C-alpha atoms as a PDB file:
ATOM      1  CA  MET A   1      37.203 106.299 -29.989  1.00  0.00           C
ATOM      2  CA  ILE A   2      41.019 106.137 -30.258  1.00  0.00           C
ATOM      3  CA  GLU A   3      40.917 108.700 -33.089  1.00  0.00           C
ATOM      4  CA  ASP A   4      38.928 111.061 -30.825  1.00  0.00           C
ATOM      5  CA  ILE A   5      41.524 110.690 -28.052  1.00  0.00           C
ATOM      6  CA  ASN A   6      44.388 111.272 -30.505  1.00  0.00           C
ATOM      7  CA  LEU A   7      42.644 114.378 -31.894  1.00  0.00           C
ATOM      8  CA  LYS A   8      42.087 115.706 -28.367  1.00  0.00           C
ATOM      9  CA  ILE A   9      45.774 115.169 -27.520  1.00  0.00           C
ATOM     10  CA  LYS A  10      46.838 116.822 -30.787  1.00  0.00           C
ATOM     11  CA  ASN A  11      44.683 119.872 -30.072  1.00  0.00           C
ATOM     12  CA  GLU A  12      45.862 120.265 -26.478  1.00  0.00           C
ATOM     13  CA  LYS A  13      48.853 122.434 -25.737  1.00  0.00           C
ATOM     14  CA  GLN A  14      51.781 120.072 -25.447  1.00  0.00           C
ATOM     15  CA  ASP A  15      53.239 120.156 -21.958  1.00  0.00           C
ATOM     16  CA  ALA A  16      56.277 118.580 -20.312  1.00  0.00           C
ATOM     17  CA  SER A  17      54.461 115.454 -19.086  1.00  0.00           C
ATOM     18  CA  SER A  18      54.910 111.914 -20.380  1.00  0.00           C
ATOM     19  CA  LEU A  19      51.560 112.274 -22.161  1.00  0.00           C
ATOM     20  CA  PHE A  20      53.486 114.129 -24.884  1.00  0.00           C
ATOM     21  CA  GLN A  21      56.807 112.270 -24.637  1.00  0.00           C
ATOM     22  CA  ASN A  22      56.479 110.919 -28.177  1.00  0.00           C
ATOM     23  CA  THR A  23      56.684 114.489 -29.511  1.00  0.00           C
ATOM     24  CA  LEU A  24      60.220 114.816 -28.081  1.00  0.00           C
ATOM     25  CA  PRO A  25      63.362 114.022 -30.099  1.00  0.00           C
ATOM     26  CA  LEU A  26      63.963 111.213 -27.586  1.00  0.00           C
ATOM     27  CA  SER A  27      61.084 109.963 -25.448  1.00  0.00           C
ATOM     28  CA  SER A  28      61.410 109.392 -21.729  1.00  0.00           C
ATOM     29  CA  ASP A  29      60.677 105.689 -22.272  1.00  0.00           C
ATOM     30  CA  ASP A  30      63.532 105.505 -24.801  1.00  0.00           C
ATOM     31  CA  LEU A  31      65.883 107.269 -22.374  1.00  0.00           C
ATOM     32  CA  LEU A  32      65.022 104.776 -19.619  1.00  0.00           C
ATOM     33  CA  ASP A  33      65.563 101.882 -22.046  1.00  0.00           C
ATOM     34  CA  GLN A  34      68.949 103.330 -23.021  1.00  0.00           C
ATOM     35  CA  LEU A  35      69.995 103.689 -19.367  1.00  0.00           C
ATOM     36  CA  ASN A  36      69.116 100.018 -18.854  1.00  0.00           C
ATOM     37  CA  LYS A  37      71.092  98.986 -21.977  1.00  0.00           C
ATOM     38  CA  TRP A  38      74.086 100.882 -20.618  1.00  0.00           C
ATOM     39  CA  ASN A  39      73.678  99.120 -17.236  1.00  0.00           C
ATOM     40  CA  ILE A  40      73.217 102.439 -15.471  1.00  0.00           C
ATOM     41  CA  LYS A  41      71.442 101.848 -12.185  1.00  0.00           C
ATOM     42  CA  PHE A  42      68.514 104.104 -11.331  1.00  0.00           C
ATOM     43  CA  LYS A  43      65.063 104.035  -9.823  1.00  0.00           C
ATOM     44  CA  CYS A  44      62.135 105.782 -11.534  1.00  0.00           C
ATOM     45  CA  TYR A  45      59.174 107.301  -9.713  1.00  0.00           C
ATOM     46  CA  ASN A  46      55.917 108.389 -11.358  1.00  0.00           C
ATOM     47  CA  HIS A  47      53.999 111.356  -9.939  1.00  0.00           C
ATOM     48  CA  ILE A  48      51.886 114.333 -10.936  1.00  0.00           C
ATOM     49  CA  PRO A  49      53.589 116.863 -13.250  1.00  0.00           C
ATOM     50  CA  LEU A  50      55.947 119.094 -11.268  1.00  0.00           C
ATOM     51  CA  LYS A  51      56.844 122.304 -13.080  1.00  0.00           C
ATOM     52  CA  SER A  52      59.008 124.081 -10.508  1.00  0.00           C
ATOM     53  CA  VAL A  53      61.228 123.605  -7.474  1.00  0.00           C
ATOM     54  CA  LYS A  54      58.384 124.960  -5.342  1.00  0.00           C
ATOM     55  CA  GLU A  55      56.032 122.238  -6.621  1.00  0.00           C
ATOM     56  CA  SER A  56      58.734 119.566  -6.317  1.00  0.00           C
ATOM     57  CA  LYS A  57      59.348 120.395  -2.671  1.00  0.00           C
ATOM     58  CA  LEU A  58      55.746 119.432  -1.885  1.00  0.00           C
ATOM     59  CA  HIS A  59      56.473 115.854  -3.050  1.00  0.00           C
ATOM     60  CA  GLN A  60      60.032 115.232  -1.842  1.00  0.00           C
ATOM     61  CA  SER A  61      59.133 113.340   1.317  1.00  0.00           C
ATOM     62  CA  GLN A  62      59.473 110.027  -0.577  1.00  0.00           C
ATOM     63  CA  PHE A  63      63.115 110.827  -1.400  1.00  0.00           C
ATOM     64  CA  LEU A  64      66.265 111.325   0.635  1.00  0.00           C
ATOM     65  CA  SER A  65      66.490 114.809   2.116  1.00  0.00           C
ATOM     66  CA  TYR A  66      69.582 116.937   1.551  1.00  0.00           C
ATOM     67  CA  ASN A  67      70.768 116.066   5.091  1.00  0.00           C
ATOM     68  CA  GLU A  68      70.399 112.352   4.239  1.00  0.00           C
ATOM     69  CA  GLY A  69      72.413 112.727   1.017  1.00  0.00           C
ATOM     70  CA  GLY A  70      69.654 113.605  -1.438  1.00  0.00           C
ATOM     71  CA  GLY A  71      70.562 115.981  -4.236  1.00  0.00           C
ATOM     72  CA  HIS A  72      67.440 117.856  -5.226  1.00  0.00           C
ATOM     73  CA  ILE A  73      68.312 120.074  -8.150  1.00  0.00           C
ATOM     74  CA  LYS A  74      67.214 122.971 -10.272  1.00  0.00           C
ATOM     75  CA  ASN A  75      68.207 123.139 -13.904  1.00  0.00           C
ATOM     76  CA  LEU A  76      68.686 126.397 -15.767  1.00  0.00           C
ATOM     77  CA  TYR A  77      68.889 126.665 -19.532  1.00  0.00           C
ATOM     78  CA  LEU A  78      70.940 129.771 -20.289  1.00  0.00           C
ATOM     79  CA  ARG A  79      72.503 131.553 -23.268  1.00  0.00           C
ATOM     80  CA  ASP A  80      75.427 133.912 -23.250  1.00  0.00           C
ATOM     81  CA  HIS A  81      75.707 137.079 -25.345  1.00  0.00           C
ATOM     82  CA  LYS A  82      77.465 135.063 -28.076  1.00  0.00           C
ATOM     83  CA  LYS A  83      74.434 132.707 -28.268  1.00  0.00           C
ATOM     84  CA  ASN A  84      76.292 129.795 -26.668  1.00  0.00           C
ATOM     85  CA  ASN A  85      73.923 127.404 -24.910  1.00  0.00           C
ATOM     86  CA  ILE A  86      74.485 126.459 -21.280  1.00  0.00           C
ATOM     87  CA  LEU A  87      72.815 124.000 -18.928  1.00  0.00           C
ATOM     88  CA  LEU A  88      73.465 124.843 -15.278  1.00  0.00           C
ATOM     89  CA  ILE A  89      72.615 122.239 -12.620  1.00  0.00           C
ATOM     90  CA  ALA A  90      72.496 123.507  -9.026  1.00  0.00           C
ATOM     91  CA  GLU A  91      71.184 122.384  -5.661  1.00  0.00           C
ATOM     92  CA  GLN A  92      67.521 123.423  -5.554  1.00  0.00           C
ATOM     93  CA  ASP A  93      68.009 126.111  -2.882  1.00  0.00           C
ATOM     94  CA  CYS A  94      71.135 127.645  -4.398  1.00  0.00           C
ATOM     95  CA  LEU A  95      70.640 131.336  -5.148  1.00  0.00           C
ATOM     96  CA  ILE A  96      71.684 132.124  -8.708  1.00  0.00           C
ATOM     97  CA  ASP A  97      72.446 135.735  -9.658  1.00  0.00           C
ATOM     98  CA  LEU A  98      72.659 135.884 -13.450  1.00  0.00           C
ATOM     99  CA  LYS A  99      74.830 139.023 -13.313  1.00  0.00           C
ATOM    100  CA  ASN A 100      77.456 137.317 -11.144  1.00  0.00           C
ATOM    101  CA  ILE A 101      77.240 133.725 -12.368  1.00  0.00           C
ATOM    102  CA  SER A 102      78.769 134.526 -15.764  1.00  0.00           C
ATOM    103  CA  GLY A 103      82.152 135.112 -14.075  1.00  0.00           C
ATOM    104  CA  VAL A 104      81.940 131.787 -12.239  1.00  0.00           C
ATOM    105  CA  LEU A 105      81.131 129.994 -15.503  1.00  0.00           C
ATOM    106  CA  GLY A 106      83.743 131.919 -17.477  1.00  0.00           C
ATOM    107  CA  VAL A 107      81.256 133.196 -20.044  1.00  0.00           C
ATOM    108  CA  GLY A 108      79.956 136.609 -21.058  1.00  0.00           C
ATOM    109  CA  ARG A 109      76.647 138.177 -20.103  1.00  0.00           C
ATOM    110  CA  ILE A 110      73.947 135.492 -19.785  1.00  0.00           C
ATOM    111  CA  SER A 111      70.166 135.276 -19.820  1.00  0.00           C
ATOM    112  CA  PHE A 112      67.547 132.564 -19.863  1.00  0.00           C
ATOM    113  CA  GLY A 113      67.041 130.756 -23.154  1.00  0.00           C
ATOM    114  CA  SER A 114      63.597 130.752 -24.759  1.00  0.00           C
ATOM    115  CA  PRO A 115      61.287 127.714 -24.674  1.00  0.00           C
ATOM    116  CA  ASP A 116      61.786 127.279 -28.440  1.00  0.00           C
ATOM    117  CA  ARG A 117      65.575 127.252 -28.097  1.00  0.00           C
ATOM    118  CA  LEU A 118      65.287 124.938 -25.100  1.00  0.00           C
ATOM    119  CA  PHE A 119      63.368 122.438 -27.216  1.00  0.00           C
ATOM    120  CA  GLU A 120      65.704 122.889 -30.193  1.00  0.00           C
ATOM    121  CA  ASN A 121      68.908 122.431 -28.166  1.00  0.00           C
ATOM    122  CA  LEU A 122      67.953 120.100 -25.304  1.00  0.00           C
ATOM    123  CA  GLY A 123      64.831 118.401 -26.670  1.00  0.00           C
ATOM    124  CA  VAL A 124      62.658 119.143 -23.612  1.00  0.00           C
ATOM    125  CA  ARG A 125      59.953 121.597 -22.627  1.00  0.00           C
ATOM    126  CA  PRO A 126      59.970 124.055 -19.708  1.00  0.00           C
ATOM    127  CA  GLY A 127      59.429 122.184 -16.457  1.00  0.00           C
ATOM    128  CA  ALA A 128      61.394 119.135 -17.591  1.00  0.00           C
ATOM    129  CA  VAL A 129      64.913 120.553 -17.909  1.00  0.00           C
ATOM    130  CA  THR A 130      67.348 117.936 -16.634  1.00  0.00           C
ATOM    131  CA  PRO A 131      70.944 116.735 -16.881  1.00  0.00           C
ATOM    132  CA  PHE A 132      69.559 113.829 -18.934  1.00  0.00           C
ATOM    133  CA  ALA A 133      68.649 116.329 -21.687  1.00  0.00           C
ATOM    134  CA  MET A 134      72.363 116.439 -22.464  1.00  0.00           C
ATOM    135  CA  ILE A 135      71.754 113.267 -24.478  1.00  0.00           C
ATOM    136  CA  ASN A 136      70.332 115.754 -27.008  1.00  0.00           C
ATOM    137  CA  GLY A 137      72.381 118.786 -25.961  1.00  0.00           C
ATOM    138  CA  VAL A 138      75.729 117.131 -26.640  1.00  0.00           C
ATOM    139  CA  LYS A 139      74.860 117.146 -30.350  1.00  0.00           C
ATOM    140  CA  LYS A 140      74.086 120.882 -30.163  1.00  0.00           C
ATOM    141  CA  ASN A 141      77.279 121.861 -28.281  1.00  0.00           C
ATOM    142  CA  VAL A 142      75.431 122.788 -25.089  1.00  0.00           C
ATOM    143  CA  ARG A 143      77.937 123.377 -22.284  1.00  0.00           C
ATOM    144  CA  LEU A 144      77.159 121.616 -19.006  1.00  0.00           C
ATOM    145  CA  PHE A 145      77.981 123.147 -15.620  1.00  0.00           C
ATOM    146  CA  ILE A 146      77.190 121.373 -12.334  1.00  0.00           C
ATOM    147  CA  ASP A 147      77.463 122.692  -8.806  1.00  0.00           C
ATOM    148  CA  SER A 148      80.387 120.888  -7.098  1.00  0.00           C
ATOM    149  CA  LYS A 149      78.311 120.739  -3.923  1.00  0.00           C
ATOM    150  CA  LEU A 150      76.241 117.971  -5.561  1.00  0.00           C
ATOM    151  CA  LYS A 151      79.266 115.628  -5.696  1.00  0.00           C
ATOM    152  CA  GLN A 152      78.809 114.899  -1.991  1.00  0.00           C
ATOM    153  CA  CYS A 153      75.221 113.655  -2.470  1.00  0.00           C
ATOM    154  CA  LEU A 154      74.423 109.948  -2.321  1.00  0.00           C
ATOM    155  CA  LYS A 155      71.597 110.302  -4.833  1.00  0.00           C
ATOM    156  CA  ILE A 156      70.549 112.907  -7.371  1.00  0.00           C
ATOM    157  CA  TYR A 157      66.887 113.386  -8.282  1.00  0.00           C
ATOM    158  CA  ALA A 158      66.188 114.494 -11.859  1.00  0.00           C
ATOM    159  CA  HIS A 159      63.422 114.289 -14.432  1.00  0.00           C
ATOM    160  CA  PRO A 160      63.944 111.813 -17.295  1.00  0.00           C
ATOM    161  CA  LEU A 161      62.977 114.355 -20.028  1.00  0.00           C
ATOM    162  CA  VAL A 162      59.392 114.682 -18.674  1.00  0.00           C
ATOM    163  CA  ASN A 163      58.114 116.281 -15.485  1.00  0.00           C
ATOM    164  CA  ASP A 164      55.801 113.565 -14.185  1.00  0.00           C
ATOM    165  CA  ARG A 165      58.649 111.156 -13.488  1.00  0.00           C
ATOM    166  CA  THR A 166      61.751 111.450 -11.327  1.00  0.00           C
ATOM    167  CA  ILE A 167      64.896 109.351 -11.514  1.00  0.00           C
ATOM    168  CA  GLU A 168      66.925 108.587  -8.414  1.00  0.00           C
ATOM    169  CA  ILE A 169      70.538 108.020  -9.437  1.00  0.00           C
ATOM    170  CA  SER A 170      73.944 108.003  -7.772  1.00  0.00           C
ATOM    171  CA  ILE A 171      76.614 110.511  -8.802  1.00  0.00           C
ATOM    172  CA  LYS A 172      78.729 107.585 -10.028  1.00  0.00           C
ATOM    173  CA  SER A 173      75.889 106.392 -12.288  1.00  0.00           C
ATOM    174  CA  LEU A 174      75.192 109.940 -13.491  1.00  0.00           C
ATOM    175  CA  GLU A 175      78.866 110.296 -14.415  1.00  0.00           C
ATOM    176  CA  LYS A 176      78.644 106.957 -16.266  1.00  0.00           C
ATOM    177  CA  PHE A 177      75.753 108.455 -18.266  1.00  0.00           C
ATOM    178  CA  PHE A 178      77.899 111.503 -19.117  1.00  0.00           C
ATOM    179  CA  ASN A 179      80.733 109.186 -20.231  1.00  0.00           C
ATOM    180  CA  LYS A 180      78.342 107.232 -22.466  1.00  0.00           C
ATOM    181  CA  ILE A 181      77.168 110.385 -24.235  1.00  0.00           C
ATOM    182  CA  GLU A 182      80.779 111.601 -24.377  1.00  0.00           C
ATOM    183  CA  ILE A 183      80.496 114.818 -22.411  1.00  0.00           C
ATOM    184  CA  THR A 184      82.606 116.051 -19.531  1.00  0.00           C
ATOM    185  CA  PRO A 185      80.671 118.273 -17.145  1.00  0.00           C
ATOM    186  CA  ASN A 186      82.266 121.431 -15.790  1.00  0.00           C
ATOM    187  CA  TRP A 187      82.059 121.173 -11.986  1.00  0.00           C
ATOM    188  CA  VAL A 188      81.903 124.688 -10.482  1.00  0.00           C
ATOM    189  CA  ASN A 189      81.615 126.205  -7.009  1.00  0.00           C
ATOM    190  CA  LEU A 190      78.398 128.200  -6.968  1.00  0.00           C
ATOM    191  CA  ASN A 191      78.608 129.315  -3.322  1.00  0.00           C
END
Protein backbone atom coordinates (compact mmCIF):
# COMPACT_ATOMS: atom_id res chain seq x y z
CA MET A 1 0.00 0.00 0.00
CA ILE A 2 2.74 2.49 0.97
CA GLU A 3 4.72 1.51 -2.15
CA ASP A 4 1.64 2.28 -4.29
CA ILE A 5 1.31 5.73 -2.68
CA ASN A 6 5.03 6.43 -3.16
CA LEU A 7 4.82 5.36 -6.82
CA LYS A 8 1.78 7.59 -7.36
CA ILE A 9 3.61 10.56 -5.80
CA LYS A 10 6.71 9.84 -7.90
CA ASN A 11 4.66 9.76 -11.10
CA GLU A 12 2.75 12.96 -10.34
CA LYS A 13 4.13 16.26 -11.51
CA GLN A 14 5.92 17.74 -8.54
CA ASP A 15 4.29 20.97 -7.45
CA ALA A 16 5.12 23.63 -4.87
CA SER A 17 3.08 22.06 -2.04
CA SER A 18 4.44 20.41 1.09
CA LEU A 19 3.54 17.04 -0.45
CA PHE A 20 6.80 17.33 -2.41
CA GLN A 21 8.87 19.23 0.17
CA ASN A 22 11.34 16.35 0.52
CA THR A 23 12.37 16.85 -3.12
CA LEU A 24 13.64 20.36 -2.27
CA PRO A 25 17.26 21.08 -1.29
CA LEU A 26 15.86 22.14 2.11
CA SER A 27 12.39 21.00 3.13
CA SER A 28 9.84 23.35 4.64
CA ASP A 29 9.86 21.27 7.83
CA ASP A 30 13.65 21.67 8.06
CA LEU A 31 13.36 25.43 7.52
CA LEU A 32 10.80 25.70 10.33
CA ASP A 33 13.05 23.62 12.60
CA GLN A 34 15.99 25.90 11.78
CA LEU A 35 13.94 29.03 12.56
CA ASN A 36 13.08 27.51 15.94
CA LYS A 37 16.75 26.63 16.62
CA TRP A 38 17.67 30.23 15.85
CA ASN A 39 14.93 31.46 18.23
CA ILE A 40 13.21 33.32 15.42
CA LYS A 41 9.59 33.91 16.35
CA PHE A 42 6.95 33.10 13.76
CA LYS A 43 3.53 31.56 13.39
CA CYS A 44 2.81 29.00 10.66
CA TYR A 45 -0.56 28.53 8.98
CA ASN A 46 -1.52 25.55 6.81
CA HIS A 47 -3.94 26.05 3.91
CA ILE A 48 -4.68 24.92 0.37
CA PRO A 49 -1.89 25.53 -2.17
CA LEU A 50 -1.86 29.18 -3.26
CA LYS A 51 0.00 29.75 -6.52
CA SER A 52 -0.53 33.48 -7.08
CA VAL A 53 -1.31 36.78 -5.39
CA LYS A 54 -4.83 36.53 -6.81
CA GLU A 55 -5.36 33.17 -5.09
CA SER A 56 -3.72 34.39 -1.88
CA LYS A 57 -6.06 37.36 -1.64
CA LEU A 58 -9.01 34.97 -1.37
CA HIS A 59 -7.56 33.58 1.89
CA GLN A 60 -6.08 36.65 3.58
CA SER A 61 -8.98 37.35 5.92
CA GLN A 62 -7.25 35.32 8.67
CA PHE A 63 -4.24 37.66 8.55
CA LEU A 64 -3.68 41.32 9.30
CA SER A 65 -4.73 43.56 6.42
CA TYR A 66 -2.31 46.11 4.99
CA ASN A 67 -4.14 48.86 6.93
CA GLU A 68 -3.65 46.84 10.15
CA GLY A 69 0.09 46.39 9.48
CA GLY A 70 0.06 43.20 7.43
CA GLY A 71 2.69 42.90 4.73
CA HIS A 72 1.30 40.69 2.00
CA ILE A 73 4.00 40.23 -0.59
CA LYS A 74 4.78 39.09 -4.08
CA ASN A 75 8.14 37.59 -4.88
CA LEU A 76 9.76 37.86 -8.29
CA TYR A 77 12.70 35.76 -9.40
CA LEU A 78 14.54 37.77 -12.04
CA ARG A 79 17.76 37.62 -14.07
CA ASP A 80 19.62 40.50 -15.62
CA HIS A 81 21.29 40.44 -19.05
CA LYS A 82 24.55 39.33 -17.40
CA LYS A 83 22.74 36.28 -15.92
CA ASN A 84 22.86 37.62 -12.36
CA ASN A 85 20.04 36.24 -10.23
CA ILE A 86 17.73 38.58 -8.34
CA LEU A 87 14.93 38.04 -5.84
CA LEU A 88 12.62 41.04 -5.61
CA ILE A 89 10.14 41.23 -2.71
CA ALA A 90 7.34 43.79 -3.07
CA GLU A 91 3.99 44.58 -1.51
CA GLN A 92 1.45 42.38 -3.31
CA ASP A 93 -0.30 45.28 -5.09
CA CYS A 94 2.87 47.07 -6.18
CA LEU A 95 3.00 47.48 -9.95
CA ILE A 96 6.33 46.27 -11.31
CA ASP A 97 7.45 47.42 -14.77
CA LEU A 98 10.41 45.26 -15.77
CA LYS A 99 11.67 47.93 -18.20
CA ASN A 100 11.84 50.58 -15.46
CA ILE A 101 12.71 48.48 -12.42
CA SER A 102 16.24 47.72 -13.64
CA GLY A 103 17.21 51.37 -13.00
CA VAL A 104 15.79 51.25 -9.48
CA LEU A 105 17.74 48.06 -8.75
CA GLY A 106 20.90 49.33 -10.44
CA VAL A 107 21.12 46.39 -12.83
CA GLY A 108 20.92 45.97 -16.60
CA ARG A 109 17.97 44.73 -18.61
CA ILE A 110 16.01 42.12 -16.62
CA SER A 111 13.53 39.34 -17.30
CA PHE A 112 11.89 36.55 -15.35
CA GLY A 113 14.06 33.55 -14.55
CA SER A 114 12.97 30.11 -15.73
CA PRO A 115 11.46 27.51 -13.37
CA ASP A 116 14.61 25.38 -13.75
CA ARG A 117 16.87 28.28 -12.77
CA LEU A 118 14.51 29.17 -9.94
CA PHE A 119 14.88 25.66 -8.53
CA GLU A 120 18.64 25.62 -9.13
CA ASN A 121 19.27 29.01 -7.47
CA LEU A 122 16.57 29.33 -4.81
CA GLY A 123 15.56 25.70 -4.25
CA VAL A 124 11.81 26.30 -4.72
CA ARG A 125 9.21 25.80 -7.42
CA PRO A 126 6.97 28.44 -9.04
CA GLY A 127 4.24 29.46 -6.62
CA ALA A 128 6.47 29.14 -3.56
CA VAL A 129 9.01 31.91 -4.16
CA THR A 130 9.75 33.57 -0.83
CA PRO A 131 12.36 35.57 1.07
CA PHE A 132 13.05 32.35 3.00
CA ALA A 133 14.43 30.82 -0.23
CA MET A 134 17.48 33.01 0.34
CA ILE A 135 18.67 30.28 2.71
CA ASN A 136 19.54 28.52 -0.57
CA GLY A 137 20.04 31.64 -2.71
CA VAL A 138 22.81 33.04 -0.54
CA LYS A 139 25.01 30.13 -1.64
CA LYS A 140 24.25 30.93 -5.30
CA ASN A 141 24.94 34.69 -5.04
CA VAL A 142 21.30 35.67 -5.57
CA ARG A 143 20.86 39.39 -4.88
CA LEU A 144 17.94 40.29 -2.61
CA PHE A 145 15.92 43.48 -3.05
CA ILE A 146 12.99 44.37 -0.77
CA ASP A 147 10.50 47.19 -1.11
CA SER A 148 11.22 49.73 1.68
CA LYS A 149 7.47 50.17 2.10
CA LEU A 150 7.40 46.77 3.84
CA LYS A 151 9.57 48.06 6.72
CA GLN A 152 6.52 49.79 8.19
CA CYS A 153 4.53 46.53 8.42
CA LEU A 154 3.99 44.83 11.77
CA LYS A 155 3.98 41.38 10.18
CA ILE A 156 5.10 39.92 6.87
CA TYR A 157 3.34 36.91 5.36
CA ALA A 158 5.51 34.56 3.30
CA HIS A 159 5.60 30.93 2.23
CA PRO A 160 8.15 28.71 4.00
CA LEU A 161 9.48 27.17 0.73
CA VAL A 162 6.07 25.57 -0.08
CA ASN A 163 2.80 27.17 -1.12
CA ASP A 164 0.37 25.43 1.22
CA ARG A 165 1.81 27.09 4.32
CA THR A 166 2.25 30.73 5.27
CA ILE A 167 4.54 32.16 7.93
CA GLU A 168 3.59 35.27 9.86
CA ILE A 169 6.77 37.01 10.98
CA SER A 170 7.79 40.46 12.18
CA ILE A 171 10.27 42.55 10.19
CA LYS A 172 12.67 42.32 13.14
CA SER A 173 12.50 38.51 13.07
CA LEU A 174 12.84 38.44 9.27
CA GLU A 175 15.96 40.60 9.56
CA LYS A 176 17.29 38.18 12.22
CA PHE A 177 16.82 35.38 9.66
CA PHE A 178 18.80 37.39 7.07
CA ASN A 179 21.58 37.95 9.64
CA LYS A 180 21.71 34.21 10.40
CA ILE A 181 22.16 33.32 6.73
CA GLU A 182 24.64 36.21 6.38
CA ILE A 183 22.89 38.29 3.75
CA THR A 184 22.11 41.99 3.77
CA PRO A 185 18.98 42.83 1.80
CA ASN A 186 18.94 45.85 -0.49
CA TRP A 187 15.97 47.98 0.62
CA VAL A 188 14.65 49.97 -2.37
CA ASN A 189 11.83 52.42 -3.03
CA LEU A 190 9.60 50.82 -5.64
CA ASN A 191 6.99 53.60 -5.77
